[in-house]
Amino acid sequence: MPGDSDLHFWLTRSVGRSIGLNFTRALKEGRLSPDQYRDLVDVCRTCPHVDSCQRWLGGQSGCGAAPVRAPGFCRNAHALEALRPH
């Protein structure tokens, strides 16, 4: 059963932010469509690693820190990395 939409929206957004991805900018620049964004959240909703994700996010340095790579257990890792500006 898929997880809570709100929780997984924020998890997706937070992982993206941690790796240096700005979803608003990606949407404005046409690198991400609203449907693709929804799909990322839907994929996150099926992930069994919510606790690991929350722990990983809790260990991130926050603002001003150098971006890191998405965690290996993240089902969206490849897609998020592809959206990240290089």
PDB file of N, CA and C in Angstrom:
ATOM      1  N   MET A   1       0.849  -1.187   0.000  1.00  0.00           N
ATOM      2  CA  MET A   1       0.000   0.000   0.000  1.00  0.00           C
ATOM      3  C   MET A   1       0.892   1.246   0.000  1.00  0.00           C
ATOM      4  N   PRO A   2       0.651   2.169  -0.907  1.00  0.00           N
ATOM      5  CA  PRO A   2       1.478   3.378  -0.971  1.00  0.00           C
ATOM      6  C   PRO A   2       1.392   4.201   0.311  1.00  0.00           C
ATOM      7  N   GLY A   3       2.502   4.878   0.615  1.00  0.00           N
ATOM      8  CA  GLY A   3       2.571   5.718   1.797  1.00  0.00           C
ATOM      9  C   GLY A   3       1.860   7.050   1.609  1.00  0.00           C
ATOM     10  N   ASP A   4       1.836   7.817   2.668  1.00  0.00           N
ATOM     11  CA  ASP A   4       1.181   9.121   2.717  1.00  0.00           C
ATOM     12  C   ASP A   4       1.774  10.085   1.691  1.00  0.00           C
ATOM     13  N   SER A   5       0.921  10.674   0.870  1.00  0.00           N
ATOM     14  CA  SER A   5       1.376  11.573  -0.201  1.00  0.00           C
ATOM     15  C   SER A   5       2.160  12.763   0.336  1.00  0.00           C
ATOM     16  N   ASP A   6       1.671  13.383   1.403  1.00  0.00           N
ATOM     17  CA  ASP A   6       2.347  14.569   1.946  1.00  0.00           C
ATOM     18  C   ASP A   6       3.746  14.219   2.445  1.00  0.00           C
ATOM     19  N   LEU A   7       3.860  13.137   3.203  1.00  0.00           N
ATOM     20  CA  LEU A   7       5.158  12.718   3.719  1.00  0.00           C
ATOM     21  C   LEU A   7       6.132  12.472   2.570  1.00  0.00           C
ATOM     22  N   HIS A   8       5.688  11.764   1.557  1.00  0.00           N
ATOM     23  CA  HIS A   8       6.586  11.406   0.465  1.00  0.00           C
ATOM     24  C   HIS A   8       6.889  12.588  -0.456  1.00  0.00           C
ATOM     25  N   PHE A   9       5.975  13.543  -0.540  1.00  0.00           N
ATOM     26  CA  PHE A   9       6.287  14.790  -1.243  1.00  0.00           C
ATOM     27  C   PHE A   9       7.475  15.455  -0.557  1.00  0.00           C
ATOM     28  N   TRP A  10       7.418  15.571   0.772  1.00  0.00           N
ATOM     29  CA  TRP A  10       8.485  16.249   1.504  1.00  0.00           C
ATOM     30  C   TRP A  10       9.767  15.435   1.514  1.00  0.00           C
ATOM     31  N   LEU A  11       9.669  14.123   1.560  1.00  0.00           N
ATOM     32  CA  LEU A  11      10.887  13.302   1.476  1.00  0.00           C
ATOM     33  C   LEU A  11      11.563  13.500   0.114  1.00  0.00           C
ATOM     34  N   THR A  12      10.771  13.446  -0.953  1.00  0.00           N
ATOM     35  CA  THR A  12      11.319  13.630  -2.297  1.00  0.00           C
ATOM     36  C   THR A  12      11.965  15.001  -2.416  1.00  0.00           C
ATOM     37  N   ARG A  13      11.261  16.015  -1.980  1.00  0.00           N
ATOM     38  CA  ARG A  13      11.770  17.385  -2.054  1.00  0.00           C
ATOM     39  C   ARG A  13      13.035  17.544  -1.222  1.00  0.00           C
ATOM     40  N   SER A  14      13.060  16.951  -0.036  1.00  0.00           N
ATOM     41  CA  SER A  14      14.205  17.078   0.857  1.00  0.00           C
ATOM     42  C   SER A  14      15.439  16.362   0.328  1.00  0.00           C
ATOM     43  N   VAL A  15      15.257  15.163  -0.232  1.00  0.00           N
ATOM     44  CA  VAL A  15      16.394  14.463  -0.831  1.00  0.00           C
ATOM     45  C   VAL A  15      16.917  15.287  -2.004  1.00  0.00           C
ATOM     46  N   GLY A  16      16.006  15.793  -2.832  1.00  0.00           N
ATOM     47  CA  GLY A  16      16.419  16.639  -3.944  1.00  0.00           C
ATOM     48  C   GLY A  16      17.224  17.837  -3.475  1.00  0.00           C
ATOM     49  N   ARG A  17      16.736  18.517  -2.484  1.00  0.00           N
ATOM     50  CA  ARG A  17      17.436  19.689  -1.953  1.00  0.00           C
ATOM     51  C   ARG A  17      18.817  19.305  -1.421  1.00  0.00           C
ATOM     52  N   SER A  18      18.902  18.158  -0.750  1.00  0.00           N
ATOM     53  CA  SER A  18      20.174  17.706  -0.185  1.00  0.00           C
ATOM     54  C   SER A  18      21.229  17.440  -1.248  1.00  0.00           C
ATOM     55  N   ILE A  19      20.786  17.065  -2.446  1.00  0.00           N
ATOM     56  CA  ILE A  19      21.754  16.786  -3.518  1.00  0.00           C
ATOM     57  C   ILE A  19      21.934  17.991  -4.448  1.00  0.00           C
ATOM     58  N   GLY A  20      21.330  19.109  -4.092  1.00  0.00           N
ATOM     59  CA  GLY A  20      21.510  20.330  -4.869  1.00  0.00           C
ATOM     60  C   GLY A  20      20.492  20.534  -5.971  1.00  0.00           C
ATOM     61  N   LEU A  21      19.375  19.848  -5.885  1.00  0.00           N
ATOM     62  CA  LEU A  21      18.321  19.970  -6.894  1.00  0.00           C
ATOM     63  C   LEU A  21      17.252  20.940  -6.404  1.00  0.00           C
ATOM     64  N   ASN A  22      16.956  21.931  -7.223  1.00  0.00           N
ATOM     65  CA  ASN A  22      15.898  22.883  -6.931  1.00  0.00           C
ATOM     66  C   ASN A  22      14.731  22.535  -7.864  1.00  0.00           C
ATOM     67  N   PHE A  23      13.692  21.922  -7.307  1.00  0.00           N
ATOM     68  CA  PHE A  23      12.563  21.476  -8.122  1.00  0.00           C
ATOM     69  C   PHE A  23      11.856  22.634  -8.810  1.00  0.00           C
ATOM     70  N   THR A  24      11.712  23.763  -8.126  1.00  0.00           N
ATOM     71  CA  THR A  24      11.046  24.917  -8.723  1.00  0.00           C
ATOM     72  C   THR A  24      11.803  25.382  -9.962  1.00  0.00           C
ATOM     73  N   ARG A  25      13.111  25.463  -9.848  1.00  0.00           N
ATOM     74  CA  ARG A  25      13.928  25.871 -10.990  1.00  0.00           C
ATOM     75  C   ARG A  25      13.847  24.835 -12.114  1.00  0.00           C
ATOM     76  N   ALA A  26      13.894  23.553 -11.762  1.00  0.00           N
ATOM     77  CA  ALA A  26      13.809  22.496 -12.774  1.00  0.00           C
ATOM     78  C   ALA A  26      12.477  22.570 -13.517  1.00  0.00           C
ATOM     79  N   LEU A  27      11.403  22.879 -12.809  1.00  0.00           N
ATOM     80  CA  LEU A  27      10.094  23.038 -13.448  1.00  0.00           C
ATOM     81  C   LEU A  27      10.089  24.247 -14.373  1.00  0.00           C
ATOM     82  N   LYS A  28      10.601  25.374 -13.884  1.00  0.00           N
ATOM     83  CA  LYS A  28      10.630  26.606 -14.689  1.00  0.00           C
ATOM     84  C   LYS A  28      11.497  26.455 -15.934  1.00  0.00           C
ATOM     85  N   GLU A  29      12.584  25.707 -15.819  1.00  0.00           N
ATOM     86  CA  GLU A  29      13.505  25.525 -16.939  1.00  0.00           C
ATOM     87  C   GLU A  29      13.058  24.422 -17.903  1.00  0.00           C
ATOM     88  N   GLY A  30      11.978  23.743 -17.565  1.00  0.00           N
ATOM     89  CA  GLY A  30      11.466  22.695 -18.436  1.00  0.00           C
ATOM     90  C   GLY A  30      12.219  21.378 -18.348  1.00  0.00           C
ATOM     91  N   ARG A  31      13.092  21.237 -17.348  1.00  0.00           N
ATOM     92  CA  ARG A  31      13.806  19.970 -17.160  1.00  0.00           C
ATOM     93  C   ARG A  31      12.956  18.938 -16.443  1.00  0.00           C
ATOM     94  N   LEU A  32      11.853  19.414 -15.862  1.00  0.00           N
ATOM     95  CA  LEU A  32      10.935  18.564 -15.103  1.00  0.00           C
ATOM     96  C   LEU A  32       9.520  19.049 -15.362  1.00  0.00           C
ATOM     97  N   SER A  33       8.629  18.131 -15.676  1.00  0.00           N
ATOM     98  CA  SER A  33       7.220  18.495 -15.858  1.00  0.00           C
ATOM     99  C   SER A  33       6.470  18.208 -14.555  1.00  0.00           C
ATOM    100  N   PRO A  34       5.310  18.830 -14.371  1.00  0.00           N
ATOM    101  CA  PRO A  34       4.507  18.518 -13.189  1.00  0.00           C
ATOM    102  C   PRO A  34       4.179  17.021 -13.099  1.00  0.00           C
ATOM    103  N   ASP A  35       3.920  16.383 -14.233  1.00  0.00           N
ATOM    104  CA  ASP A  35       3.623  14.945 -14.212  1.00  0.00           C
ATOM    105  C   ASP A  35       4.832  14.129 -13.767  1.00  0.00           C
ATOM    106  N   GLN A  36       6.019  14.531 -14.211  1.00  0.00           N
ATOM    107  CA  GLN A  36       7.235  13.832 -13.789  1.00  0.00           C
ATOM    108  C   GLN A  36       7.474  14.018 -12.287  1.00  0.00           C
ATOM    109  N   TYR A  37       7.191  15.201 -11.796  1.00  0.00           N
ATOM    110  CA  TYR A  37       7.335  15.481 -10.361  1.00  0.00           C
ATOM    111  C   TYR A  37       6.377  14.577  -9.574  1.00  0.00           C
ATOM    112  N   ARG A  38       5.136  14.507 -10.033  1.00  0.00           N
ATOM    113  CA  ARG A  38       4.153  13.637  -9.384  1.00  0.00           C
ATOM    114  C   ARG A  38       4.631  12.190  -9.404  1.00  0.00           C
ATOM    115  N   ASP A  39       5.201  11.764 -10.536  1.00  0.00           N
ATOM    116  CA  ASP A  39       5.693  10.388 -10.648  1.00  0.00           C
ATOM    117  C   ASP A  39       6.818  10.115  -9.651  1.00  0.00           C
ATOM    118  N   LEU A  40       7.698  11.095  -9.431  1.00  0.00           N
ATOM    119  CA  LEU A  40       8.763  10.919  -8.442  1.00  0.00           C
ATOM    120  C   LEU A  40       8.176  10.688  -7.054  1.00  0.00           C
ATOM    121  N   VAL A  41       7.171  11.471  -6.713  1.00  0.00           N
ATOM    122  CA  VAL A  41       6.520  11.308  -5.400  1.00  0.00           C
ATOM    123  C   VAL A  41       5.819   9.946  -5.335  1.00  0.00           C
ATOM    124  N   ASP A  42       5.163   9.538  -6.409  1.00  0.00           N
ATOM    125  CA  ASP A  42       4.490   8.241  -6.427  1.00  0.00           C
ATOM    126  C   ASP A  42       5.478   7.092  -6.251  1.00  0.00           C
ATOM    127  N   VAL A  43       6.644   7.190  -6.879  1.00  0.00           N
ATOM    128  CA  VAL A  43       7.674   6.166  -6.707  1.00  0.00           C
ATOM    129  C   VAL A  43       8.131   6.142  -5.249  1.00  0.00           C
ATOM    130  N   CYS A  44       8.347   7.310  -4.684  1.00  0.00           N
ATOM    131  CA  CYS A  44       8.752   7.406  -3.284  1.00  0.00           C
ATOM    132  C   CYS A  44       7.703   6.759  -2.372  1.00  0.00           C
ATOM    133  N   ARG A  45       6.444   6.923  -2.705  1.00  0.00           N
ATOM    134  CA  ARG A  45       5.356   6.370  -1.879  1.00  0.00           C
ATOM    135  C   ARG A  45       5.399   4.851  -1.804  1.00  0.00           C
ATOM    136  N   THR A  46       6.068   4.195  -2.763  1.00  0.00           N
ATOM    137  CA  THR A  46       6.140   2.728  -2.758  1.00  0.00           C
ATOM    138  C   THR A  46       7.429   2.207  -2.130  1.00  0.00           C
ATOM    139  N   CYS A  47       8.280   3.103  -1.657  1.00  0.00           N
ATOM    140  CA  CYS A  47       9.589   2.716  -1.135  1.00  0.00           C
ATOM    141  C   CYS A  47       9.479   2.208   0.307  1.00  0.00           C
ATOM    142  N   PRO A  48      10.134   1.095   0.601  1.00  0.00           N
ATOM    143  CA  PRO A  48      10.103   0.562   1.963  1.00  0.00           C
ATOM    144  C   PRO A  48      11.163   1.177   2.890  1.00  0.00           C
ATOM    145  N   HIS A  49      11.932   2.153   2.406  1.00  0.00           N
ATOM    146  CA  HIS A  49      13.067   2.678   3.169  1.00  0.00           C
ATOM    147  C   HIS A  49      12.808   4.042   3.804  1.00  0.00           C
ATOM    148  N   VAL A  50      11.576   4.293   4.217  1.00  0.00           N
ATOM    149  CA  VAL A  50      11.225   5.598   4.789  1.00  0.00           C
ATOM    150  C   VAL A  50      12.085   5.913   6.007  1.00  0.00           C
ATOM    151  N   ASP A  51      12.243   4.963   6.917  1.00  0.00           N
ATOM    152  CA  ASP A  51      13.047   5.212   8.123  1.00  0.00           C
ATOM    153  C   ASP A  51      14.494   5.523   7.761  1.00  0.00           C
ATOM    154  N   SER A  52      15.056   4.759   6.837  1.00  0.00           N
ATOM    155  CA  SER A  52      16.437   5.000   6.397  1.00  0.00           C
ATOM    156  C   SER A  52      16.554   6.367   5.749  1.00  0.00           C
ATOM    157  N   CYS A  53      15.564   6.743   4.962  1.00  0.00           N
ATOM    158  CA  CYS A  53      15.561   8.038   4.291  1.00  0.00           C
ATOM    159  C   CYS A  53      15.531   9.166   5.320  1.00  0.00           C
ATOM    160  N   GLN A  54      14.664   9.039   6.303  1.00  0.00           N
ATOM    161  CA  GLN A  54      14.563  10.079   7.323  1.00  0.00           C
ATOM    162  C   GLN A  54      15.859  10.189   8.121  1.00  0.00           C
ATOM    163  N   ARG A  55      16.493   9.050   8.417  1.00  0.00           N
ATOM    164  CA  ARG A  55      17.781   9.084   9.116  1.00  0.00           C
ATOM    165  C   ARG A  55      18.846   9.737   8.234  1.00  0.00           C
ATOM    166  N   TRP A  56      18.861   9.379   6.943  1.00  0.00           N
ATOM    167  CA  TRP A  56      19.826   9.962   6.018  1.00  0.00           C
ATOM    168  C   TRP A  56      19.638  11.477   5.950  1.00  0.00           C
ATOM    169  N   LEU A  57      18.403  11.909   5.804  1.00  0.00           N
ATOM    170  CA  LEU A  57      18.125  13.348   5.747  1.00  0.00           C
ATOM    171  C   LEU A  57      18.544  14.041   7.033  1.00  0.00           C
ATOM    172  N   GLY A  58      18.324  13.394   8.167  1.00  0.00           N
ATOM    173  CA  GLY A  58      18.708  13.967   9.453  1.00  0.00           C
ATOM    174  C   GLY A  58      20.208  14.148   9.596  1.00  0.00           C
ATOM    175  N   GLY A  59      20.968  13.381   8.840  1.00  0.00           N
ATOM    176  CA  GLY A  59      22.421  13.473   8.903  1.00  0.00           C
ATOM    177  C   GLY A  59      23.027  14.462   7.930  1.00  0.00           C
ATOM    178  N   GLN A  60      22.194  15.109   7.127  1.00  0.00           N
ATOM    179  CA  GLN A  60      22.712  16.067   6.150  1.00  0.00           C
ATOM    180  C   GLN A  60      22.990  17.393   6.835  1.00  0.00           C
ATOM    181  N   SER A  61      23.991  18.109   6.344  1.00  0.00           N
ATOM    182  CA  SER A  61      24.468  19.334   6.987  1.00  0.00           C
ATOM    183  C   SER A  61      23.531  20.518   6.839  1.00  0.00           C
ATOM    184  N   GLY A  62      22.735  20.554   5.777  1.00  0.00           N
ATOM    185  CA  GLY A  62      21.816  21.668   5.600  1.00  0.00           C
ATOM    186  C   GLY A  62      22.361  22.725   4.669  1.00  0.00           C
ATOM    187  N   CYS A  63      21.871  23.925   4.826  1.00  0.00           N
ATOM    188  CA  CYS A  63      22.188  25.039   3.926  1.00  0.00           C
ATOM    189  C   CYS A  63      23.679  25.306   3.847  1.00  0.00           C
ATOM    190  N   GLY A  64      24.130  25.568   2.627  1.00  0.00           N
ATOM    191  CA  GLY A  64      25.510  25.937   2.414  1.00  0.00           C
ATOM    192  C   GLY A  64      26.470  24.770   2.286  1.00  0.00           C
ATOM    193  N   ALA A  65      26.009  23.589   2.616  1.00  0.00           N
ATOM    194  CA  ALA A  65      26.882  22.421   2.517  1.00  0.00           C
ATOM    195  C   ALA A  65      27.001  21.989   1.054  1.00  0.00           C
ATOM    196  N   ALA A  66      28.096  21.371   0.732  1.00  0.00           N
ATOM    197  CA  ALA A  66      28.291  20.854  -0.622  1.00  0.00           C
ATOM    198  C   ALA A  66      27.273  19.744  -0.877  1.00  0.00           C
ATOM    199  N   PRO A  67      26.643  19.730  -2.046  1.00  0.00           N
ATOM    200  CA  PRO A  67      25.674  18.681  -2.354  1.00  0.00           C
ATOM    201  C   PRO A  67      26.317  17.295  -2.315  1.00  0.00           C
ATOM    202  N   VAL A  68      25.549  16.337  -1.930  1.00  0.00           N
ATOM    203  CA  VAL A  68      25.974  14.940  -1.884  1.00  0.00           C
ATOM    204  C   VAL A  68      25.172  14.166  -2.925  1.00  0.00           C
ATOM    205  N   ARG A  69      25.453  12.900  -3.066  1.00  0.00           N
ATOM    206  CA  ARG A  69      24.678  12.050  -3.972  1.00  0.00           C
ATOM    207  C   ARG A  69      23.474  11.493  -3.220  1.00  0.00           C
ATOM    208  N   ALA A  70      22.405  11.210  -3.959  1.00  0.00           N
ATOM    209  CA  ALA A  70      21.222  10.582  -3.363  1.00  0.00           C
ATOM    210  C   ALA A  70      21.629   9.237  -2.773  1.00  0.00           C
ATOM    211  N   PRO A  71      21.005   8.837  -1.677  1.00  0.00           N
ATOM    212  CA  PRO A  71      21.374   7.563  -1.065  1.00  0.00           C
ATOM    213  C   PRO A  71      21.068   6.390  -2.001  1.00  0.00           C
ATOM    214  N   GLY A  72      21.899   5.366  -1.942  1.00  0.00           N
ATOM    215  CA  GLY A  72      21.762   4.210  -2.820  1.00  0.00           C
ATOM    216  C   GLY A  72      20.443   3.476  -2.688  1.00  0.00           C
ATOM    217  N   PHE A  73      19.820   3.543  -1.525  1.00  0.00           N
ATOM    218  CA  PHE A  73      18.554   2.838  -1.324  1.00  0.00           C
ATOM    219  C   PHE A  73      17.358   3.592  -1.908  1.00  0.00           C
ATOM    220  N   CYS A  74      17.566   4.842  -2.324  1.00  0.00           N
ATOM    221  CA  CYS A  74      16.472   5.674  -2.830  1.00  0.00           C
ATOM    222  C   CYS A  74      16.021   5.181  -4.200  1.00  0.00           C
ATOM    223  N   ARG A  75      14.751   4.904  -4.340  1.00  0.00           N
ATOM    224  CA  ARG A  75      14.208   4.446  -5.621  1.00  0.00           C
ATOM    225  C   ARG A  75      14.239   5.529  -6.689  1.00  0.00           C
ATOM    226  N   ASN A  76      14.384   6.775  -6.273  1.00  0.00           N
ATOM    227  CA  ASN A  76      14.451   7.896  -7.213  1.00  0.00           C
ATOM    228  C   ASN A  76      15.876   8.405  -7.421  1.00  0.00           C
ATOM    229  N   ALA A  77      16.857   7.736  -6.868  1.00  0.00           N
ATOM    230  CA  ALA A  77      18.236   8.246  -6.898  1.00  0.00           C
ATOM    231  C   ALA A  77      18.686   8.593  -8.318  1.00  0.00           C
ATOM    232  N   HIS A  78      18.509   7.694  -9.249  1.00  0.00           N
ATOM    233  CA  HIS A  78      18.977   7.924 -10.616  1.00  0.00           C
ATOM    234  C   HIS A  78      18.249   9.118 -11.248  1.00  0.00           C
ATOM    235  N   ALA A  79      16.940   9.165 -11.093  1.00  0.00           N
ATOM    236  CA  ALA A  79      16.146  10.255 -11.679  1.00  0.00           C
ATOM    237  C   ALA A  79      16.513  11.600 -11.053  1.00  0.00           C
ATOM    238  N   LEU A  80      16.700  11.628  -9.745  1.00  0.00           N
ATOM    239  CA  LEU A  80      17.059  12.878  -9.071  1.00  0.00           C
ATOM    240  C   LEU A  80      18.446  13.337  -9.498  1.00  0.00           C
ATOM    241  N   GLU A  81      19.376  12.402  -9.591  1.00  0.00           N
ATOM    242  CA  GLU A  81      20.733  12.752 -10.026  1.00  0.00           C
ATOM    243  C   GLU A  81      20.708  13.316 -11.443  1.00  0.00           C
ATOM    244  N   ALA A  82      19.871  12.748 -12.302  1.00  0.00           N
ATOM    245  CA  ALA A  82      19.783  13.212 -13.695  1.00  0.00           C
ATOM    246  C   ALA A  82      19.212  14.630 -13.769  1.00  0.00           C
ATOM    247  N   LEU A  83      18.368  15.004 -12.829  1.00  0.00           N
ATOM    248  CA  LEU A  83      17.757  16.340 -12.820  1.00  0.00           C
ATOM    249  C   LEU A  83      18.659  17.387 -12.196  1.00  0.00           C
ATOM    250  N   ARG A  84      19.597  16.938 -11.395  1.00  0.00           N
ATOM    251  CA  ARG A  84      20.474  17.870 -10.682  1.00  0.00           C
ATOM    252  C   ARG A  84      21.340  18.625 -11.680  1.00  0.00           C
ATOM    253  N   PRO A  85      21.486  19.946 -11.490  1.00  0.00           N
ATOM    254  CA  PRO A  85      22.382  20.686 -12.380  1.00  0.00           C
ATOM    255  C   PRO A  85      23.820  20.219 -12.170  1.00  0.00           C
ATOM    256  N   HIS A  86      24.539  20.063 -13.256  1.00  0.00           N
ATOM    257  CA  HIS A  86      25.925  19.563 -13.159  1.00  0.00           C
ATOM    258  C   HIS A  86      26.917  20.630 -13.513  1.00  0.00           C
TER     259      HIS A  86
END
